[in-house]
C-alpha cells in the first residue's frame, strides 16, 4: 500500500467517537508508519458521534474521490424510541417532552413509513454540522443562539420496519437513502407522523456505496492491520518502524 500516493481505508467507527477523531487516530499511526509528519487524509461523509459503522478514509491523491463517494447511496439500521423527543433527536441530550403512544400499532407504523419513501422534504437537525453564515449549527445551539434551518429535498429509496416492541415502544428500521439524508430528522418526522414523538437510541451505517460494514476495520484492530500491510513509499521517504 502507498498511503502517500493514495489509498482507501474502511473503518467501522465506534460509538461516541467523532468522525474526525477516527480520522486523527488513523492519520497519526499511518504517518508514523510511513515516516512522514502528516499524511494527507480525509473522510467521505460524517457520522454523528453516537452513530457507528462505515467511514471511508481517503489518503493522498484518493482525497480527490471524496466528493464522488459522498454521492453514493447509504444504508442504515436505526432504533427509535417512540413517545418522547430530545433536542438533538438522539441520546446526546435528555428527553425534553413526552407524548402518548397507546394508539400506535405495528400496522400504523408500516403504513406511516410509506410516506417517507421517494423524494421528501427534510429539515436538518439544529444540532448538526450544517453551516449558517460560516458557523456550524450545533456550535450556535450550544452558545444558546437561535438556529433556523430550511427544508431540503432528500431521497429515500427504502424504509423497512425490522422490529417493533409495543411494550417498550421501540421500533427498528433499515433505511436506504441518498446524500444529505439525516436519520435523526427522519426519526423526528416519523414520530410526528405517528402523532407522537421519537428519537434515535441507536444508529449504524451498514453500507456506503459498495463498501459494507463487514469489510471495515475496527479502531481496536487498526494498529495490527496496519502492522500487517506491505508499505510502498516514495523514493524521498523512508519507513520509520515502531520500536
Protein backbone atom coordinates (compact mmCIF):
# COMPACT_ATOMS: atom_id res chain seq x y z
CA UNK A 1 0.00 0.00 0.00
CA UNK A 2 1.16 3.50 -0.77
CA UNK A 3 -0.58 5.86 1.65
CA UNK A 4 1.22 8.99 0.45
CA UNK A 5 0.14 8.31 -3.16
CA UNK A 6 -3.37 7.34 -2.12
CA UNK A 7 -5.38 4.52 -0.55
CA UNK A 8 -8.90 3.87 0.75
CA UNK A 9 -9.21 2.74 4.37
CA UNK A 10 -12.55 1.37 5.55
CA UNK A 11 -13.18 1.98 9.27
CA UNK A 12 -16.05 0.82 11.46
CA UNK A 13 -16.41 3.98 13.53
CA UNK A 14 -17.09 3.25 17.19
CA UNK A 15 -19.81 4.70 19.40
CA UNK A 16 -19.06 8.14 20.92
CA UNK A 17 -16.00 8.79 18.72
CA UNK A 18 -16.31 11.65 16.23
CA UNK A 19 -15.55 11.04 12.55
CA UNK A 20 -12.62 13.46 12.88
CA UNK A 21 -11.42 11.56 15.95
CA UNK A 22 -11.35 8.33 13.96
CA UNK A 23 -9.54 10.11 11.12
CA UNK A 24 -6.95 11.58 13.52
CA UNK A 25 -6.37 8.18 15.15
CA UNK A 26 -5.66 6.60 11.76
CA UNK A 27 -3.61 9.52 10.41
CA UNK A 28 -1.26 9.56 13.41
CA UNK A 29 -0.45 5.87 13.03
CA UNK A 30 -0.19 5.88 9.23
CA UNK A 31 2.05 8.96 9.29
CA UNK A 32 4.32 7.27 11.84
CA UNK A 33 4.37 4.08 9.78
CA UNK A 34 5.45 5.77 6.55
CA UNK A 35 7.80 8.19 8.28
CA UNK A 36 6.17 11.48 7.30
CA UNK A 37 4.99 14.28 9.52
CA UNK A 38 1.38 14.28 8.32
CA UNK A 39 -0.19 12.06 5.67
CA UNK A 40 -2.94 13.82 3.71
CA UNK A 41 -6.25 12.21 4.65
CA UNK A 42 -9.97 12.99 4.55
CA UNK A 43 -13.25 11.14 5.06
CA UNK A 44 -16.28 10.64 2.82
CA UNK A 45 -19.34 11.50 4.88
CA UNK A 46 -19.52 12.46 8.55
CA UNK A 47 -21.11 10.13 11.09
CA UNK A 48 -22.57 11.54 14.31
CA UNK A 49 -20.57 10.69 17.47
CA UNK A 50 -23.40 8.42 18.68
CA UNK A 51 -23.54 6.59 15.34
CA UNK A 52 -21.37 3.64 14.35
CA UNK A 53 -20.46 1.99 11.07
CA UNK A 54 -18.87 2.57 7.69
CA UNK A 55 -16.46 5.50 7.50
CA UNK A 56 -14.36 5.68 4.32
CA UNK A 57 -10.99 7.38 4.76
CA UNK A 58 -9.09 8.56 1.69
CA UNK A 59 -5.36 9.26 1.74
CA UNK A 60 -3.07 11.12 -0.66
CA UNK A 61 -4.48 11.58 -4.16
CA UNK A 62 -7.52 9.48 -3.26
CA UNK A 63 -8.86 12.51 -1.35
CA UNK A 64 -9.98 13.73 -4.79
CA UNK A 65 -12.52 10.90 -4.72
CA UNK A 66 -14.31 12.17 -1.60
CA UNK A 67 -16.97 14.20 -3.41
CA UNK A 68 -17.79 11.27 -5.70
CA UNK A 69 -18.03 8.83 -2.79
CA UNK A 70 -20.39 11.14 -0.91
CA UNK A 71 -22.88 10.87 -3.78
CA UNK A 72 -23.23 7.11 -3.30
CA UNK A 73 -26.31 5.66 -1.65
CA UNK A 74 -26.12 4.67 2.01
CA UNK A 75 -27.78 2.03 4.16
CA UNK A 76 -28.51 2.47 7.85
CA UNK A 77 -30.06 0.49 10.65
CA UNK A 78 -31.68 2.55 13.39
CA UNK A 79 -33.64 2.07 16.60
CA UNK A 80 -36.23 4.68 17.60
CA UNK A 81 -37.80 5.30 20.99
CA UNK A 82 -41.39 6.38 20.49
CA UNK A 83 -43.31 8.65 22.85
CA UNK A 84 -40.56 11.17 23.60
CA UNK A 85 -38.23 13.71 21.98
CA UNK A 86 -34.82 15.22 22.67
CA UNK A 87 -33.36 18.50 21.32
CA UNK A 88 -30.80 16.61 19.19
CA UNK A 89 -33.23 13.82 18.15
CA UNK A 90 -30.86 11.25 19.69
CA UNK A 91 -29.44 10.39 23.13
CA UNK A 92 -26.88 13.22 23.15
CA UNK A 93 -29.46 15.26 25.10
CA UNK A 94 -32.03 14.42 27.75
CA UNK A 95 -35.72 13.93 26.93
CA UNK A 96 -37.45 17.31 26.70
CA UNK A 97 -41.05 16.19 26.04
CA UNK A 98 -43.21 13.07 26.19
CA UNK A 99 -46.21 12.07 24.07
CA UNK A 100 -48.97 9.44 24.03
CA UNK A 101 -48.26 6.08 22.40
CA UNK A 102 -51.29 3.92 23.24
CA UNK A 103 -52.70 4.44 19.74
CA UNK A 104 -49.55 3.22 17.93
CA UNK A 105 -49.68 -0.25 16.35
CA UNK A 106 -47.32 -2.15 14.06
CA UNK A 107 -49.80 -1.71 11.19
CA UNK A 108 -49.92 2.05 11.78
CA UNK A 109 -46.13 2.26 11.70
CA UNK A 110 -45.87 0.26 8.48
CA UNK A 111 -48.44 2.48 6.77
CA UNK A 112 -46.77 5.65 8.06
CA UNK A 113 -43.32 4.66 6.83
CA UNK A 114 -44.59 4.56 3.23
CA UNK A 115 -44.90 8.36 3.18
CA UNK A 116 -41.14 8.69 3.72
CA UNK A 117 -40.14 6.80 0.55
CA UNK A 118 -39.06 8.79 -2.52
CA UNK A 119 -38.18 12.49 -2.66
CA UNK A 120 -39.11 14.08 0.67
CA UNK A 121 -38.66 17.48 2.28
CA UNK A 122 -36.46 17.31 5.38
CA UNK A 123 -35.25 19.96 7.83
CA UNK A 124 -31.76 19.07 9.15
CA UNK A 125 -31.30 18.80 12.94
CA UNK A 126 -30.42 22.04 14.74
CA UNK A 127 -27.61 20.07 16.36
CA UNK A 128 -25.83 19.31 13.08
CA UNK A 129 -22.77 20.38 11.12
CA UNK A 130 -24.88 22.43 8.69
CA UNK A 131 -23.38 25.88 8.21
CA UNK A 132 -25.24 29.13 8.93
CA UNK A 133 -23.26 32.18 7.90
CA UNK A 134 -19.99 30.30 8.29
CA UNK A 135 -20.82 28.81 11.70
CA UNK A 136 -21.85 25.22 12.42
CA UNK A 137 -25.46 24.92 13.56
CA UNK A 138 -24.52 22.82 16.59
CA UNK A 139 -21.96 25.43 17.69
CA UNK A 140 -24.62 28.15 17.59
CA UNK A 141 -27.07 25.95 19.51
CA UNK A 142 -24.50 25.26 22.23
CA UNK A 143 -23.98 29.01 22.59
CA UNK A 144 -27.72 29.43 23.17
CA UNK A 145 -28.37 31.15 19.85
CA UNK A 146 -31.45 30.66 17.69
CA UNK A 147 -30.98 28.36 14.71
CA UNK A 148 -33.38 28.15 11.78
CA UNK A 149 -32.60 25.63 9.06
CA UNK A 150 -34.53 25.36 5.81
CA UNK A 151 -36.06 22.17 4.47
CA UNK A 152 -34.24 20.49 1.61
CA UNK A 153 -35.12 17.67 -0.75
CA UNK A 154 -33.56 14.30 0.06
CA UNK A 155 -34.22 10.88 -1.45
CA UNK A 156 -35.13 7.71 0.44
CA UNK A 157 -35.16 4.52 -1.62
CA UNK A 158 -36.43 2.12 1.03
CA UNK A 159 -37.59 2.02 4.65
CA UNK A 160 -38.25 -1.35 6.24
CA UNK A 161 -39.64 -1.93 9.72
CA UNK A 162 -37.46 -4.70 11.13
CA UNK A 163 -38.79 -4.80 14.71
CA UNK A 164 -41.46 -3.26 16.94
CA UNK A 165 -41.95 -3.83 20.66
CA UNK A 166 -45.35 -2.49 21.79
CA UNK A 167 -44.35 -2.78 25.46
CA UNK A 168 -41.22 -0.62 25.29
CA UNK A 169 -42.46 1.36 22.26
CA UNK A 170 -39.16 0.85 20.47
CA UNK A 171 -39.01 0.26 16.74
CA UNK A 172 -36.12 -0.64 14.45
CA UNK A 173 -35.79 0.26 10.78
CA UNK A 174 -33.48 -0.29 7.83
CA UNK A 175 -33.11 2.76 5.59
CA UNK A 176 -31.61 3.00 2.11
CA UNK A 177 -31.13 6.66 1.17
CA UNK A 178 -29.16 9.22 -0.79
CA UNK A 179 -26.75 12.04 0.05
CA UNK A 180 -27.75 14.56 2.71
CA UNK A 181 -30.38 12.45 4.48
CA UNK A 182 -30.36 12.82 8.26
CA UNK A 183 -31.67 9.72 10.01
CA UNK A 184 -32.14 11.79 13.20
CA UNK A 185 -34.51 14.09 11.29
CA UNK A 186 -36.23 11.05 9.83
CA UNK A 187 -36.81 9.76 13.39
CA UNK A 188 -38.27 13.14 14.42
CA UNK A 189 -40.59 13.21 11.41
CA UNK A 190 -41.72 9.59 11.87
CA UNK A 191 -42.62 10.41 15.47
CA UNK A 192 -44.69 13.41 14.35
CA UNK A 193 -46.41 11.39 11.60
CA UNK A 194 -47.39 8.84 14.25
CA UNK A 195 -48.97 11.72 16.25
CA UNK A 196 -46.37 11.18 18.94
CA UNK A 197 -42.64 11.78 19.30
CA UNK A 198 -39.48 9.80 18.56
CA UNK A 199 -35.72 9.96 18.92
CA UNK A 200 -32.82 7.68 17.97
CA UNK A 201 -31.36 5.27 20.52
CA UNK A 202 -29.03 3.54 18.03
CA UNK A 203 -27.75 4.25 14.52
CA UNK A 204 -25.35 2.30 12.33
CA UNK A 205 -24.27 2.97 8.73
CA UNK A 206 -24.08 -0.54 7.35
CA UNK A 207 -23.13 0.38 3.78
CA UNK A 208 -21.74 3.34 1.81
CA UNK A 209 -21.79 2.69 -1.93
CA UNK A 210 -20.22 -0.73 -2.43
CA UNK A 211 -18.49 -0.80 0.96
CA UNK A 212 -20.23 -2.90 3.60
CA UNK A 213 -19.62 -2.87 7.34
CA UNK A 214 -18.27 -6.43 7.17
CA UNK A 215 -15.29 -5.10 5.17
CA UNK A 216 -14.44 -2.40 7.73
CA UNK A 217 -11.67 -2.42 10.34
CA UNK A 218 -12.42 -1.54 13.94
CA UNK A 219 -10.34 1.13 15.65
CA UNK A 220 -9.08 -1.51 18.10
CA UNK A 221 -7.90 -3.76 15.25
CA UNK A 222 -6.42 -0.99 13.10
CA UNK A 223 -2.88 -0.92 14.61
CA UNK A 224 -2.42 -4.65 13.96
CA UNK A 225 -3.97 -4.35 10.50
CA UNK A 226 -1.52 -1.56 9.67
CA UNK A 227 1.39 -3.61 11.00
CA UNK A 228 0.45 -6.43 8.61
CA UNK A 229 0.43 -4.23 5.48
CA UNK A 230 3.27 -4.13 2.98
CA UNK A 231 4.02 -0.43 2.68
CA UNK A 232 5.23 1.21 -0.52
CA UNK A 233 6.89 4.58 -0.10
CA UNK A 234 8.05 7.31 -2.42
CA UNK A 235 11.78 7.43 -3.03
CA UNK A 236 12.21 10.53 -0.86
CA UNK A 237 10.63 8.85 2.19
CA UNK A 238 11.81 6.04 4.41
CA UNK A 239 9.72 3.76 6.55
CA UNK A 240 10.05 4.51 10.21
CA UNK A 241 9.20 1.32 12.08
CA UNK A 242 7.66 1.47 15.53
CA UNK A 243 10.08 0.28 18.19
